[in-house]
N, C-alpha and C. Protein backbone atom coordinates (compact mmCIF):
# COMPACT_ATOMS: atom_id res chain seq x y z
N MET A 1 0.83 -1.20 0.00
CA MET A 1 0.00 0.00 0.00
C MET A 1 0.86 1.25 0.00
N LYS A 2 1.72 1.37 0.99
CA LYS A 2 2.52 2.58 1.12
C LYS A 2 3.38 2.83 -0.12
N GLU A 3 3.82 1.74 -0.73
CA GLU A 3 4.67 1.88 -1.92
C GLU A 3 3.91 2.42 -3.12
N ASN A 4 2.58 2.38 -3.08
CA ASN A 4 1.76 2.91 -4.17
C ASN A 4 1.53 4.42 -4.09
N MET A 5 1.78 5.01 -2.92
CA MET A 5 1.47 6.43 -2.73
C MET A 5 2.21 7.36 -3.67
N PRO A 6 3.50 7.17 -3.93
CA PRO A 6 4.17 8.11 -4.86
C PRO A 6 3.50 8.15 -6.23
N GLY A 7 3.12 7.00 -6.76
CA GLY A 7 2.46 6.96 -8.06
C GLY A 7 1.09 7.60 -8.02
N ILE A 8 0.35 7.35 -6.95
CA ILE A 8 -0.98 7.94 -6.80
C ILE A 8 -0.86 9.46 -6.71
N PHE A 9 0.10 9.95 -5.93
CA PHE A 9 0.25 11.39 -5.77
C PHE A 9 0.79 12.07 -7.01
N ARG A 10 1.57 11.36 -7.82
CA ARG A 10 2.01 11.94 -9.11
C ARG A 10 0.79 12.23 -9.98
N ILE A 11 -0.15 11.29 -10.02
CA ILE A 11 -1.37 11.48 -10.81
C ILE A 11 -2.21 12.61 -10.23
N LEU A 12 -2.40 12.61 -8.90
CA LEU A 12 -3.19 13.66 -8.27
C LEU A 12 -2.60 15.04 -8.53
N GLU A 13 -1.29 15.17 -8.36
CA GLU A 13 -0.64 16.48 -8.53
C GLU A 13 -0.66 16.93 -9.99
N THR A 14 -0.50 16.00 -10.92
CA THR A 14 -0.59 16.34 -12.34
C THR A 14 -1.99 16.83 -12.67
N ASN A 15 -3.00 16.10 -12.21
CA ASN A 15 -4.38 16.48 -12.49
C ASN A 15 -4.78 17.76 -11.77
N LEU A 16 -4.20 18.02 -10.61
CA LEU A 16 -4.50 19.24 -9.87
C LEU A 16 -4.08 20.48 -10.67
N GLN A 17 -3.02 20.36 -11.44
CA GLN A 17 -2.57 21.50 -12.25
C GLN A 17 -3.61 21.88 -13.30
N ASN A 18 -4.45 20.92 -13.70
CA ASN A 18 -5.46 21.17 -14.72
C ASN A 18 -6.79 21.66 -14.17
N VAL A 19 -6.93 21.69 -12.85
CA VAL A 19 -8.17 22.16 -12.23
C VAL A 19 -8.17 23.68 -12.28
N LYS A 20 -9.27 24.24 -12.73
CA LYS A 20 -9.37 25.70 -12.84
C LYS A 20 -9.61 26.33 -11.47
N SER A 21 -9.14 27.54 -11.31
CA SER A 21 -9.34 28.29 -10.08
C SER A 21 -10.84 28.43 -9.80
N GLY A 22 -11.24 28.15 -8.58
CA GLY A 22 -12.64 28.25 -8.17
C GLY A 22 -13.40 26.94 -8.29
N ALA A 23 -12.82 25.98 -8.99
CA ALA A 23 -13.49 24.69 -9.18
C ALA A 23 -13.40 23.85 -7.91
N THR A 24 -14.44 23.06 -7.67
CA THR A 24 -14.43 22.14 -6.54
C THR A 24 -14.22 20.72 -7.06
N PHE A 25 -13.65 19.89 -6.21
CA PHE A 25 -13.36 18.52 -6.60
C PHE A 25 -13.25 17.63 -5.36
N SER A 26 -13.43 16.35 -5.59
CA SER A 26 -13.17 15.34 -4.57
C SER A 26 -11.92 14.59 -5.02
N LEU A 27 -11.34 13.81 -4.15
CA LEU A 27 -10.16 13.04 -4.54
C LEU A 27 -10.47 12.05 -5.65
N PRO A 28 -11.60 11.31 -5.58
CA PRO A 28 -11.91 10.40 -6.69
C PRO A 28 -12.05 11.13 -8.03
N SER A 29 -12.68 12.30 -8.03
CA SER A 29 -12.84 13.01 -9.30
C SER A 29 -11.49 13.56 -9.79
N LEU A 30 -10.63 13.94 -8.86
CA LEU A 30 -9.30 14.43 -9.24
C LEU A 30 -8.45 13.30 -9.80
N TYR A 31 -8.53 12.15 -9.22
CA TYR A 31 -7.74 11.00 -9.66
C TYR A 31 -8.29 10.40 -10.96
N GLY A 32 -9.61 10.49 -11.12
CA GLY A 32 -10.30 9.84 -12.24
C GLY A 32 -11.16 8.73 -11.66
N LEU A 33 -12.47 8.87 -11.77
CA LEU A 33 -13.39 7.96 -11.09
C LEU A 33 -13.14 6.49 -11.42
N ASP A 34 -12.97 6.18 -12.69
CA ASP A 34 -12.74 4.78 -13.08
C ASP A 34 -11.46 4.23 -12.47
N ASN A 35 -10.41 5.01 -12.54
CA ASN A 35 -9.13 4.57 -11.98
C ASN A 35 -9.19 4.49 -10.46
N TRP A 36 -9.90 5.43 -9.83
CA TRP A 36 -10.05 5.43 -8.38
C TRP A 36 -10.76 4.16 -7.92
N ASP A 37 -11.79 3.77 -8.66
CA ASP A 37 -12.54 2.56 -8.30
C ASP A 37 -11.69 1.30 -8.37
N ARG A 38 -10.63 1.33 -9.16
CA ARG A 38 -9.76 0.16 -9.30
C ARG A 38 -8.71 0.07 -8.19
N LEU A 39 -8.55 1.14 -7.41
CA LEU A 39 -7.57 1.12 -6.32
C LEU A 39 -8.05 0.25 -5.17
N TYR A 40 -7.12 -0.33 -4.47
CA TYR A 40 -7.40 -1.07 -3.25
C TYR A 40 -7.93 -0.10 -2.21
N ILE A 41 -8.90 -0.53 -1.41
CA ILE A 41 -9.54 0.36 -0.44
C ILE A 41 -8.53 0.98 0.52
N GLY A 42 -7.53 0.21 0.91
CA GLY A 42 -6.51 0.75 1.82
C GLY A 42 -5.72 1.89 1.18
N ASP A 43 -5.46 1.78 -0.12
CA ASP A 43 -4.76 2.86 -0.83
C ASP A 43 -5.63 4.11 -0.91
N LYS A 44 -6.93 3.91 -1.11
CA LYS A 44 -7.84 5.06 -1.17
C LYS A 44 -7.86 5.80 0.16
N VAL A 45 -7.98 5.04 1.25
CA VAL A 45 -8.02 5.65 2.58
C VAL A 45 -6.71 6.37 2.89
N MET A 46 -5.60 5.70 2.60
CA MET A 46 -4.29 6.30 2.88
C MET A 46 -4.07 7.56 2.04
N ALA A 47 -4.44 7.51 0.76
CA ALA A 47 -4.28 8.68 -0.11
C ALA A 47 -5.16 9.82 0.37
N GLY A 48 -6.39 9.51 0.75
CA GLY A 48 -7.30 10.55 1.25
C GLY A 48 -6.78 11.21 2.51
N ASN A 49 -6.28 10.42 3.43
CA ASN A 49 -5.73 10.96 4.68
C ASN A 49 -4.49 11.81 4.42
N GLN A 50 -3.62 11.32 3.55
CA GLN A 50 -2.39 12.06 3.25
C GLN A 50 -2.70 13.36 2.51
N PHE A 51 -3.62 13.32 1.57
CA PHE A 51 -3.96 14.53 0.83
C PHE A 51 -4.56 15.58 1.77
N LEU A 52 -5.49 15.16 2.63
CA LEU A 52 -6.09 16.08 3.59
C LEU A 52 -5.02 16.67 4.50
N ARG A 53 -4.11 15.84 4.99
CA ARG A 53 -3.04 16.32 5.86
C ARG A 53 -2.17 17.34 5.13
N LYS A 54 -1.84 17.06 3.87
CA LYS A 54 -1.01 17.98 3.11
C LYS A 54 -1.73 19.32 2.88
N VAL A 55 -3.03 19.26 2.62
CA VAL A 55 -3.80 20.50 2.44
C VAL A 55 -3.77 21.30 3.74
N ARG A 56 -4.03 20.64 4.85
CA ARG A 56 -4.07 21.33 6.15
C ARG A 56 -2.70 21.86 6.56
N GLN A 57 -1.63 21.21 6.13
CA GLN A 57 -0.28 21.67 6.46
C GLN A 57 0.25 22.71 5.48
N GLY A 58 -0.54 23.04 4.47
CA GLY A 58 -0.15 24.09 3.53
C GLY A 58 0.73 23.63 2.38
N GLU A 59 0.84 22.33 2.16
CA GLU A 59 1.66 21.85 1.05
C GLU A 59 1.02 22.13 -0.30
N TYR A 60 -0.28 22.34 -0.31
CA TYR A 60 -1.02 22.73 -1.51
C TYR A 60 -1.72 24.06 -1.19
N PRO A 61 -0.99 25.17 -1.21
CA PRO A 61 -1.59 26.44 -0.80
C PRO A 61 -2.74 26.90 -1.70
N GLU A 62 -2.83 26.34 -2.90
CA GLU A 62 -3.90 26.72 -3.82
C GLU A 62 -5.17 25.92 -3.58
N VAL A 63 -5.16 25.01 -2.61
CA VAL A 63 -6.32 24.16 -2.33
C VAL A 63 -6.84 24.42 -0.93
N ARG A 64 -8.16 24.52 -0.83
CA ARG A 64 -8.75 24.64 0.50
C ARG A 64 -9.79 23.54 0.69
N GLU A 65 -9.89 23.11 1.93
CA GLU A 65 -10.83 22.05 2.30
C GLU A 65 -12.22 22.66 2.45
N LEU A 66 -13.22 21.97 1.95
CA LEU A 66 -14.60 22.40 2.10
C LEU A 66 -15.30 21.53 3.14
N PRO A 67 -16.41 22.01 3.72
CA PRO A 67 -17.16 21.17 4.66
C PRO A 67 -17.62 19.88 3.99
N LYS A 68 -17.68 18.83 4.76
CA LYS A 68 -18.10 17.51 4.24
C LYS A 68 -19.61 17.51 4.12
N ASN A 69 -20.12 17.55 2.90
CA ASN A 69 -21.57 17.64 2.76
C ASN A 69 -22.13 16.85 1.58
N SER A 70 -21.33 16.00 0.96
CA SER A 70 -21.87 15.23 -0.16
C SER A 70 -22.62 14.00 0.34
N ARG A 71 -23.46 13.47 -0.50
CA ARG A 71 -24.23 12.28 -0.12
C ARG A 71 -23.33 11.10 0.19
N GLN A 72 -22.22 11.00 -0.52
CA GLN A 72 -21.30 9.89 -0.30
C GLN A 72 -20.37 10.16 0.88
N GLN A 73 -20.55 11.29 1.52
CA GLN A 73 -19.69 11.72 2.63
C GLN A 73 -18.23 11.85 2.19
N GLN A 74 -18.04 12.26 0.94
CA GLN A 74 -16.69 12.51 0.45
C GLN A 74 -16.26 13.91 0.84
N ARG A 75 -15.01 14.03 1.12
CA ARG A 75 -14.46 15.35 1.40
C ARG A 75 -14.25 16.06 0.07
N HIS A 76 -14.61 17.33 0.03
CA HIS A 76 -14.44 18.13 -1.19
C HIS A 76 -13.44 19.26 -0.93
N TYR A 77 -12.83 19.68 -1.99
CA TYR A 77 -11.80 20.72 -1.95
C TYR A 77 -12.14 21.75 -3.03
N GLN A 78 -11.53 22.91 -2.88
CA GLN A 78 -11.68 23.96 -3.89
C GLN A 78 -10.32 24.52 -4.21
N LYS A 79 -10.07 24.69 -5.50
CA LYS A 79 -8.81 25.31 -5.92
C LYS A 79 -9.03 26.82 -5.91
N ARG A 80 -8.13 27.52 -5.29
CA ARG A 80 -8.24 28.99 -5.18
C ARG A 80 -7.77 29.66 -6.44
């Protein structure tokens, strides 16, 4: 699981560059829904926790966390 994180984050960070300012997204939508569904559940949880931690620690200053309010209880973010 842990060894998969660098590859997962390369995809997330590449796709994050293509998100327009003001747009909202979830991690599955940022990664690509079909590809996200193919990930092992442990990798999804670990990636979600790491991404949230990085946002909160300011590693992605262009991203802000939004309140959790989707039906799927997914965390959403907004690119500034």
